[in-house]
Amino acid sequence: MKFAVIVFPGSNCDVDMYHAIKDELGEEVEYVWHDADNLDSFDGILLPGGFSYGDYLRTGAIARFSNVMNAIVKAAEEGKPVLGVCNGFQILLEAGLLPGAMRRNENLKFMCRPTELVVENNETMFSAEYEKGEVIQVPIAHGEGNYYCDNETLSLLEKNNQIVFKYKNNPNGSLSDIAGIMNEKGNVLGMMPHPERAVDRLLGSADGLKLFKSIVKQWRLSTNVVTS
């Protein structure tokens, strides 16, 4: 499977994402600059964390208009897996690929620490390697990770099982303890915690690696790719 790591001006978790895919997962991966207009040669799209365009105006608001976003929307419409982490999640929200918005953390402070997540839905291409209800440790690093949506949207997220991860102990005030959601089609996931920083026990946790393994396994099943 071949992944694209999208690099915006201000991305700073692109190297972590690249390492997770190449060195820990053992799959193909390339950096793709924000001015690219074609992602047809890639099987999966990854939007890393950071401070795209310095978070000026609003987190993800400028990156949403980057040239590459048209290709990301096309990939999503084609059913390819698209994962946005932290700032990548914010960009997916701004682009309308996921519903809702991000607000400042409830305590108005940047937070960077290990966090426990509960797997709410393990019947997705991103979480199939987990058990439902499994508690995993994945770090957070954000100042605007307080997820919000209106009551109607929240009802739809719950009804359609689009909430994939929740915080065990909500660190930022996020509505309904939401840490990660997917689109209704099930191929676009946004999450604030950083699974790419939890792919080796030397980093404190390897729980995030299962997310990437899930993507690869489900992609191979859907495309009938057989490996020895």
C-alpha atoms as a PDB file:
ATOM      1  CA  MET A   1       0.000   0.000   0.000  1.00  0.00           C
ATOM      2  CA  LYS A   2       1.289   3.451  -0.886  1.00  0.00           C
ATOM      3  CA  PHE A   3       0.635   6.439   1.354  1.00  0.00           C
ATOM      4  CA  ALA A   4       0.947  10.170   0.764  1.00  0.00           C
ATOM      5  CA  VAL A   5       1.934  12.401   3.697  1.00  0.00           C
ATOM      6  CA  ILE A   6       0.659  15.863   2.812  1.00  0.00           C
ATOM      7  CA  VAL A   7       3.041  18.652   3.832  1.00  0.00           C
ATOM      8  CA  PHE A   8       1.681  22.166   4.352  1.00  0.00           C
ATOM      9  CA  PRO A   9       3.810  25.177   5.288  1.00  0.00           C
ATOM     10  CA  GLY A  10       3.947  24.802   9.066  1.00  0.00           C
ATOM     11  CA  SER A  11       3.415  21.027   9.259  1.00  0.00           C
ATOM     12  CA  ASN A  12       5.670  19.593  11.949  1.00  0.00           C
ATOM     13  CA  CYS A  13       4.439  16.024  12.422  1.00  0.00           C
ATOM     14  CA  ASP A  14       5.028  14.938   8.847  1.00  0.00           C
ATOM     15  CA  VAL A  15       8.298  13.208   9.744  1.00  0.00           C
ATOM     16  CA  ASP A  16       6.608  11.298  12.581  1.00  0.00           C
ATOM     17  CA  MET A  17       3.909  10.132  10.169  1.00  0.00           C
ATOM     18  CA  TYR A  18       6.475   9.126   7.544  1.00  0.00           C
ATOM     19  CA  HIS A  19       8.449   7.150  10.151  1.00  0.00           C
ATOM     20  CA  ALA A  20       5.320   5.344  11.358  1.00  0.00           C
ATOM     21  CA  ILE A  21       4.469   4.184   7.840  1.00  0.00           C
ATOM     22  CA  LYS A  22       7.925   3.373   6.492  1.00  0.00           C
ATOM     23  CA  ASP A  23       9.854   2.128   9.514  1.00  0.00           C
ATOM     24  CA  GLU A  24       7.164   0.692  11.768  1.00  0.00           C
ATOM     25  CA  LEU A  25       4.487  -0.412   9.296  1.00  0.00           C
ATOM     26  CA  GLY A  26       6.839  -1.278   6.420  1.00  0.00           C
ATOM     27  CA  GLU A  27       4.679   0.264   3.685  1.00  0.00           C
ATOM     28  CA  GLU A  28       5.462   2.714   0.867  1.00  0.00           C
ATOM     29  CA  VAL A  29       5.175   6.404   1.679  1.00  0.00           C
ATOM     30  CA  GLU A  30       6.072   9.741   0.085  1.00  0.00           C
ATOM     31  CA  TYR A  31       5.928  13.352   1.168  1.00  0.00           C
ATOM     32  CA  VAL A  32       3.573  15.410  -1.014  1.00  0.00           C
ATOM     33  CA  TRP A  33       3.828  19.213  -1.004  1.00  0.00           C
ATOM     34  CA  HIS A  34       0.653  21.265  -0.614  1.00  0.00           C
ATOM     35  CA  ASP A  35       0.725  22.547  -4.208  1.00  0.00           C
ATOM     36  CA  ALA A  36       0.290  19.069  -5.741  1.00  0.00           C
ATOM     37  CA  ASP A  37      -2.820  18.604  -7.851  1.00  0.00           C
ATOM     38  CA  ASN A  38      -2.925  14.831  -8.296  1.00  0.00           C
ATOM     39  CA  LEU A  39      -2.919  11.980  -5.764  1.00  0.00           C
ATOM     40  CA  ASP A  40      -4.076   9.216  -8.094  1.00  0.00           C
ATOM     41  CA  SER A  41      -0.927   7.141  -7.559  1.00  0.00           C
ATOM     42  CA  PHE A  42      -1.551   6.834  -3.813  1.00  0.00           C
ATOM     43  CA  ASP A  43      -3.792   4.374  -1.983  1.00  0.00           C
ATOM     44  CA  GLY A  44      -4.076   6.313   1.284  1.00  0.00           C
ATOM     45  CA  ILE A  45      -3.820   9.987   2.243  1.00  0.00           C
ATOM     46  CA  LEU A  46      -2.406  11.250   5.557  1.00  0.00           C
ATOM     47  CA  LEU A  47      -2.739  14.835   6.823  1.00  0.00           C
ATOM     48  CA  PRO A  48      -0.292  15.332   9.709  1.00  0.00           C
ATOM     49  CA  GLY A  49      -0.341  17.671  12.677  1.00  0.00           C
ATOM     50  CA  GLY A  50       1.403  20.992  13.072  1.00  0.00           C
ATOM     51  CA  PHE A  51       0.527  24.622  12.508  1.00  0.00           C
ATOM     52  CA  SER A  52      -0.401  24.869   8.832  1.00  0.00           C
ATOM     53  CA  TYR A  53       0.123  28.436   7.639  1.00  0.00           C
ATOM     54  CA  GLY A  54       0.934  29.362  11.220  1.00  0.00           C
ATOM     55  CA  ASP A  55      -2.684  28.780  12.313  1.00  0.00           C
ATOM     56  CA  TYR A  56      -3.353  32.337  11.186  1.00  0.00           C
ATOM     57  CA  LEU A  57      -7.001  33.303  10.794  1.00  0.00           C
ATOM     58  CA  ARG A  58      -8.141  29.965  12.278  1.00  0.00           C
ATOM     59  CA  THR A  59      -6.604  26.501  12.538  1.00  0.00           C
ATOM     60  CA  GLY A  60      -6.856  24.758   9.178  1.00  0.00           C
ATOM     61  CA  ALA A  61      -8.784  27.621   7.574  1.00  0.00           C
ATOM     62  CA  ILE A  62      -6.046  28.634   5.136  1.00  0.00           C
ATOM     63  CA  ALA A  63      -4.802  25.109   4.440  1.00  0.00           C
ATOM     64  CA  ARG A  64      -8.332  24.235   3.401  1.00  0.00           C
ATOM     65  CA  PHE A  65      -7.740  26.339   0.250  1.00  0.00           C
ATOM     66  CA  SER A  66      -4.413  24.719  -0.647  1.00  0.00           C
ATOM     67  CA  ASN A  67      -4.184  23.298  -4.150  1.00  0.00           C
ATOM     68  CA  VAL A  68      -3.848  19.732  -2.881  1.00  0.00           C
ATOM     69  CA  MET A  69      -7.253  19.830  -1.175  1.00  0.00           C
ATOM     70  CA  ASN A  70      -9.066  19.292  -4.477  1.00  0.00           C
ATOM     71  CA  ALA A  71      -7.117  16.060  -4.919  1.00  0.00           C
ATOM     72  CA  ILE A  72      -7.831  15.036  -1.307  1.00  0.00           C
ATOM     73  CA  VAL A  73     -11.564  15.577  -1.810  1.00  0.00           C
ATOM     74  CA  LYS A  74     -11.372  13.479  -5.006  1.00  0.00           C
ATOM     75  CA  ALA A  75      -9.553  10.686  -3.152  1.00  0.00           C
ATOM     76  CA  ALA A  76     -12.176  10.742  -0.411  1.00  0.00           C
ATOM     77  CA  GLU A  77     -14.990  10.581  -2.946  1.00  0.00           C
ATOM     78  CA  GLU A  78     -13.288   7.568  -4.544  1.00  0.00           C
ATOM     79  CA  GLY A  79     -13.342   5.772  -1.197  1.00  0.00           C
ATOM     80  CA  LYS A  80      -9.635   5.937  -0.444  1.00  0.00           C
ATOM     81  CA  PRO A  81      -8.715   6.107   3.264  1.00  0.00           C
ATOM     82  CA  VAL A  82      -8.003   9.657   4.398  1.00  0.00           C
ATOM     83  CA  LEU A  83      -6.627  10.250   7.898  1.00  0.00           C
ATOM     84  CA  GLY A  84      -6.245  13.692   9.455  1.00  0.00           C
ATOM     85  CA  VAL A  85      -4.427  13.953  12.785  1.00  0.00           C
ATOM     86  CA  CYS A  86      -4.557  17.045  15.015  1.00  0.00           C
ATOM     87  CA  ASN A  87      -4.092  19.950  12.576  1.00  0.00           C
ATOM     88  CA  GLY A  88      -4.993  17.468   9.845  1.00  0.00           C
ATOM     89  CA  PHE A  89      -8.322  16.869  11.622  1.00  0.00           C
ATOM     90  CA  GLN A  90      -8.884  20.623  11.800  1.00  0.00           C
ATOM     91  CA  ILE A  91      -8.233  20.908   8.049  1.00  0.00           C
ATOM     92  CA  LEU A  92     -10.741  18.130   7.295  1.00  0.00           C
ATOM     93  CA  LEU A  93     -13.345  20.001   9.347  1.00  0.00           C
ATOM     94  CA  GLU A  94     -12.643  23.275   7.556  1.00  0.00           C
ATOM     95  CA  ALA A  95     -12.871  21.513   4.191  1.00  0.00           C
ATOM     96  CA  GLY A  96     -16.252  20.030   5.064  1.00  0.00           C
ATOM     97  CA  LEU A  97     -15.023  16.459   4.769  1.00  0.00           C
ATOM     98  CA  LEU A  98     -16.067  15.966   8.391  1.00  0.00           C
ATOM     99  CA  PRO A  99     -18.807  17.763  10.360  1.00  0.00           C
ATOM    100  CA  GLY A 100     -18.255  20.104  13.289  1.00  0.00           C
ATOM    101  CA  ALA A 101     -15.592  22.565  14.379  1.00  0.00           C
ATOM    102  CA  MET A 102     -12.704  23.016  16.806  1.00  0.00           C
ATOM    103  CA  ARG A 103     -12.568  25.502  19.672  1.00  0.00           C
ATOM    104  CA  ARG A 104      -9.826  26.443  22.114  1.00  0.00           C
ATOM    105  CA  ASN A 105      -9.173  23.917  24.848  1.00  0.00           C
ATOM    106  CA  GLU A 106     -11.469  24.486  27.799  1.00  0.00           C
ATOM    107  CA  ASN A 107      -8.539  25.572  29.994  1.00  0.00           C
ATOM    108  CA  LEU A 108      -7.233  27.865  27.205  1.00  0.00           C
ATOM    109  CA  LYS A 109      -3.820  26.164  27.396  1.00  0.00           C
ATOM    110  CA  PHE A 110      -1.760  24.063  25.005  1.00  0.00           C
ATOM    111  CA  MET A 111      -1.587  20.489  26.266  1.00  0.00           C
ATOM    112  CA  CYS A 112       0.968  17.820  25.408  1.00  0.00           C
ATOM    113  CA  ARG A 113       0.760  14.544  27.302  1.00  0.00           C
ATOM    114  CA  PRO A 114      -0.227  10.862  27.056  1.00  0.00           C
ATOM    115  CA  THR A 115      -3.986  10.350  26.985  1.00  0.00           C
ATOM    116  CA  GLU A 116      -6.213   7.311  27.279  1.00  0.00           C
ATOM    117  CA  LEU A 117      -8.764   6.729  24.536  1.00  0.00           C
ATOM    118  CA  VAL A 118     -11.695   4.337  24.395  1.00  0.00           C
ATOM    119  CA  VAL A 119     -12.381   2.566  21.097  1.00  0.00           C
ATOM    120  CA  GLU A 120     -16.074   3.299  20.510  1.00  0.00           C
ATOM    121  CA  ASN A 121     -16.350   1.649  17.104  1.00  0.00           C
ATOM    122  CA  ASN A 122     -14.002  -1.084  15.932  1.00  0.00           C
ATOM    123  CA  GLU A 123     -15.958  -1.891  12.787  1.00  0.00           C
ATOM    124  CA  THR A 124     -14.127   0.638  10.602  1.00  0.00           C
ATOM    125  CA  MET A 125     -11.154   0.548   8.247  1.00  0.00           C
ATOM    126  CA  PHE A 126      -9.228   2.543  10.849  1.00  0.00           C
ATOM    127  CA  SER A 127     -10.013   0.562  13.994  1.00  0.00           C
ATOM    128  CA  ALA A 128     -10.633  -3.057  12.979  1.00  0.00           C
ATOM    129  CA  GLU A 129      -7.496  -4.284  14.780  1.00  0.00           C
ATOM    130  CA  TYR A 130      -8.809  -3.007  18.125  1.00  0.00           C
ATOM    131  CA  GLU A 131     -11.446  -4.477  20.404  1.00  0.00           C
ATOM    132  CA  LYS A 132     -14.607  -2.492  21.040  1.00  0.00           C
ATOM    133  CA  GLY A 133     -14.201  -0.727  24.366  1.00  0.00           C
ATOM    134  CA  GLU A 134     -10.433  -1.210  24.340  1.00  0.00           C
ATOM    135  CA  VAL A 135      -8.543   1.497  26.204  1.00  0.00           C
ATOM    136  CA  ILE A 136      -5.426   2.681  24.389  1.00  0.00           C
ATOM    137  CA  GLN A 137      -2.752   5.249  25.196  1.00  0.00           C
ATOM    138  CA  VAL A 138      -2.075   7.883  22.525  1.00  0.00           C
ATOM    139  CA  PRO A 139      -0.515  11.320  23.159  1.00  0.00           C
ATOM    140  CA  ILE A 140      -2.196  14.655  22.544  1.00  0.00           C
ATOM    141  CA  ALA A 141      -0.486  17.920  21.579  1.00  0.00           C
ATOM    142  CA  HIS A 142      -2.938  20.715  20.832  1.00  0.00           C
ATOM    143  CA  GLY A 143      -4.306  24.067  21.890  1.00  0.00           C
ATOM    144  CA  GLU A 144      -7.539  23.882  19.893  1.00  0.00           C
ATOM    145  CA  GLY A 145      -8.822  20.348  20.261  1.00  0.00           C
ATOM    146  CA  ASN A 146     -12.177  21.100  21.855  1.00  0.00           C
ATOM    147  CA  TYR A 147     -14.520  19.429  19.336  1.00  0.00           C
ATOM    148  CA  TYR A 148     -17.967  20.971  18.922  1.00  0.00           C
ATOM    149  CA  CYS A 149     -21.049  20.398  16.786  1.00  0.00           C
ATOM    150  CA  ASP A 150     -24.751  21.140  17.130  1.00  0.00           C
ATOM    151  CA  ASN A 151     -27.196  18.678  18.701  1.00  0.00           C
ATOM    152  CA  GLU A 152     -28.527  17.485  15.347  1.00  0.00           C
ATOM    153  CA  THR A 153     -25.023  16.660  14.101  1.00  0.00           C
ATOM    154  CA  LEU A 154     -24.141  14.889  17.351  1.00  0.00           C
ATOM    155  CA  SER A 155     -27.300  12.772  17.075  1.00  0.00           C
ATOM    156  CA  LEU A 156     -26.320  11.766  13.540  1.00  0.00           C
ATOM    157  CA  LEU A 157     -22.756  10.932  14.590  1.00  0.00           C
ATOM    158  CA  GLU A 158     -24.110   8.679  17.333  1.00  0.00           C
ATOM    159  CA  LYS A 159     -26.834   7.136  15.167  1.00  0.00           C
ATOM    160  CA  ASN A 160     -24.402   6.291  12.353  1.00  0.00           C
ATOM    161  CA  ASN A 161     -21.634   5.075  14.692  1.00  0.00           C
ATOM    162  CA  GLN A 162     -19.291   7.748  13.337  1.00  0.00           C
ATOM    163  CA  ILE A 163     -17.625   8.367  16.700  1.00  0.00           C
ATOM    164  CA  VAL A 164     -14.574   6.114  16.561  1.00  0.00           C
ATOM    165  CA  PHE A 165     -12.588   7.260  19.608  1.00  0.00           C
ATOM    166  CA  LYS A 166     -13.538   8.985  22.864  1.00  0.00           C
ATOM    167  CA  TYR A 167     -11.378  10.338  25.665  1.00  0.00           C
ATOM    168  CA  LYS A 168     -11.495   8.264  28.840  1.00  0.00           C
ATOM    169  CA  ASN A 169     -10.771  11.431  30.818  1.00  0.00           C
ATOM    170  CA  ASN A 170     -11.662  14.409  28.660  1.00  0.00           C
ATOM    171  CA  PRO A 171      -8.639  16.762  28.629  1.00  0.00           C
ATOM    172  CA  ASN A 172     -10.006  19.639  26.533  1.00  0.00           C
ATOM    173  CA  GLY A 173     -13.759  19.957  26.998  1.00  0.00           C
ATOM    174  CA  SER A 174     -14.578  18.194  23.723  1.00  0.00           C
ATOM    175  CA  LEU A 175     -18.310  17.587  23.258  1.00  0.00           C
ATOM    176  CA  SER A 176     -19.376  14.113  24.387  1.00  0.00           C
ATOM    177  CA  ASP A 177     -15.675  13.286  25.046  1.00  0.00           C
ATOM    178  CA  ILE A 178     -15.115  12.979  21.283  1.00  0.00           C
ATOM    179  CA  ALA A 179     -11.500  12.352  20.233  1.00  0.00           C
ATOM    180  CA  GLY A 180     -12.026  11.042  16.686  1.00  0.00           C
ATOM    181  CA  ILE A 181     -14.841  10.840  14.151  1.00  0.00           C
ATOM    182  CA  MET A 182     -15.282   9.501  10.635  1.00  0.00           C
ATOM    183  CA  ASN A 183     -17.508  10.472   7.733  1.00  0.00           C
ATOM    184  CA  GLU A 184     -20.719   8.571   7.061  1.00  0.00           C
ATOM    185  CA  LYS A 185     -19.066   6.634   4.236  1.00  0.00           C
ATOM    186  CA  GLY A 186     -16.404   5.429   6.684  1.00  0.00           C
ATOM    187  CA  ASN A 187     -13.237   6.278   4.755  1.00  0.00           C
ATOM    188  CA  VAL A 188     -12.309   9.663   6.269  1.00  0.00           C
ATOM    189  CA  LEU A 189     -11.153   9.797   9.896  1.00  0.00           C
ATOM    190  CA  GLY A 190     -10.145  12.841  11.897  1.00  0.00           C
ATOM    191  CA  MET A 191      -8.659  12.595  15.384  1.00  0.00           C
ATOM    192  CA  MET A 192      -6.860  15.000  17.699  1.00  0.00           C
ATOM    193  CA  PRO A 193      -4.541  12.489  19.472  1.00  0.00           C
ATOM    194  CA  HIS A 194      -1.391  11.401  17.599  1.00  0.00           C
ATOM    195  CA  PRO A 195      -1.321   7.657  16.753  1.00  0.00           C
ATOM    196  CA  GLU A 196       1.905   8.172  14.772  1.00  0.00           C
ATOM    197  CA  ARG A 197       3.615   9.063  18.051  1.00  0.00           C
ATOM    198  CA  ALA A 198       2.509   5.789  19.616  1.00  0.00           C
ATOM    199  CA  VAL A 199       3.946   3.176  17.268  1.00  0.00           C
ATOM    200  CA  ASP A 200       6.825   1.832  19.377  1.00  0.00           C
ATOM    201  CA  ARG A 201       7.077   0.955  23.075  1.00  0.00           C
ATOM    202  CA  LEU A 202      10.255   3.035  23.217  1.00  0.00           C
ATOM    203  CA  LEU A 203       7.958   6.038  22.689  1.00  0.00           C
ATOM    204  CA  GLY A 204       5.816   4.994  25.647  1.00  0.00           C
ATOM    205  CA  SER A 205       3.114   3.181  23.692  1.00  0.00           C
ATOM    206  CA  ALA A 206       2.658   1.157  20.518  1.00  0.00           C
ATOM    207  CA  ASP A 207      -1.131   1.358  20.629  1.00  0.00           C
ATOM    208  CA  GLY A 208      -1.317   3.698  17.650  1.00  0.00           C
ATOM    209  CA  LEU A 209       0.273   1.150  15.315  1.00  0.00           C
ATOM    210  CA  LYS A 210      -2.941  -0.883  15.252  1.00  0.00           C
ATOM    211  CA  LEU A 211      -4.689   2.026  13.552  1.00  0.00           C
ATOM    212  CA  PHE A 212      -2.257   1.983  10.638  1.00  0.00           C
ATOM    213  CA  LYS A 213      -2.329  -1.821  10.503  1.00  0.00           C
ATOM    214  CA  SER A 214      -6.116  -1.620  10.293  1.00  0.00           C
ATOM    215  CA  ILE A 215      -5.938   0.672   7.281  1.00  0.00           C
ATOM    216  CA  VAL A 216      -3.545  -1.621   5.418  1.00  0.00           C
ATOM    217  CA  LYS A 217      -5.436  -4.820   6.233  1.00  0.00           C
ATOM    218  CA  GLN A 218      -8.825  -3.394   5.261  1.00  0.00           C
ATOM    219  CA  TRP A 219      -7.402  -1.883   2.074  1.00  0.00           C
ATOM    220  CA  ARG A 220      -5.923  -5.240   1.079  1.00  0.00           C
ATOM    221  CA  LEU A 221      -9.200  -7.000   1.788  1.00  0.00           C
ATOM    222  CA  SER A 222     -11.148  -4.464  -0.252  1.00  0.00           C
ATOM    223  CA  THR A 223      -8.738  -4.636  -3.193  1.00  0.00           C
ATOM    224  CA  ASN A 224      -8.107  -8.395  -2.975  1.00  0.00           C
ATOM    225  CA  VAL A 225      -4.374  -7.837  -2.533  1.00  0.00           C
ATOM    226  CA  VAL A 226      -2.739 -11.010  -1.209  1.00  0.00           C
ATOM    227  CA  THR A 227       0.623 -10.948   0.567  1.00  0.00           C
ATOM    228  CA  SER A 228       2.743 -13.898   1.599  1.00  0.00           C
END
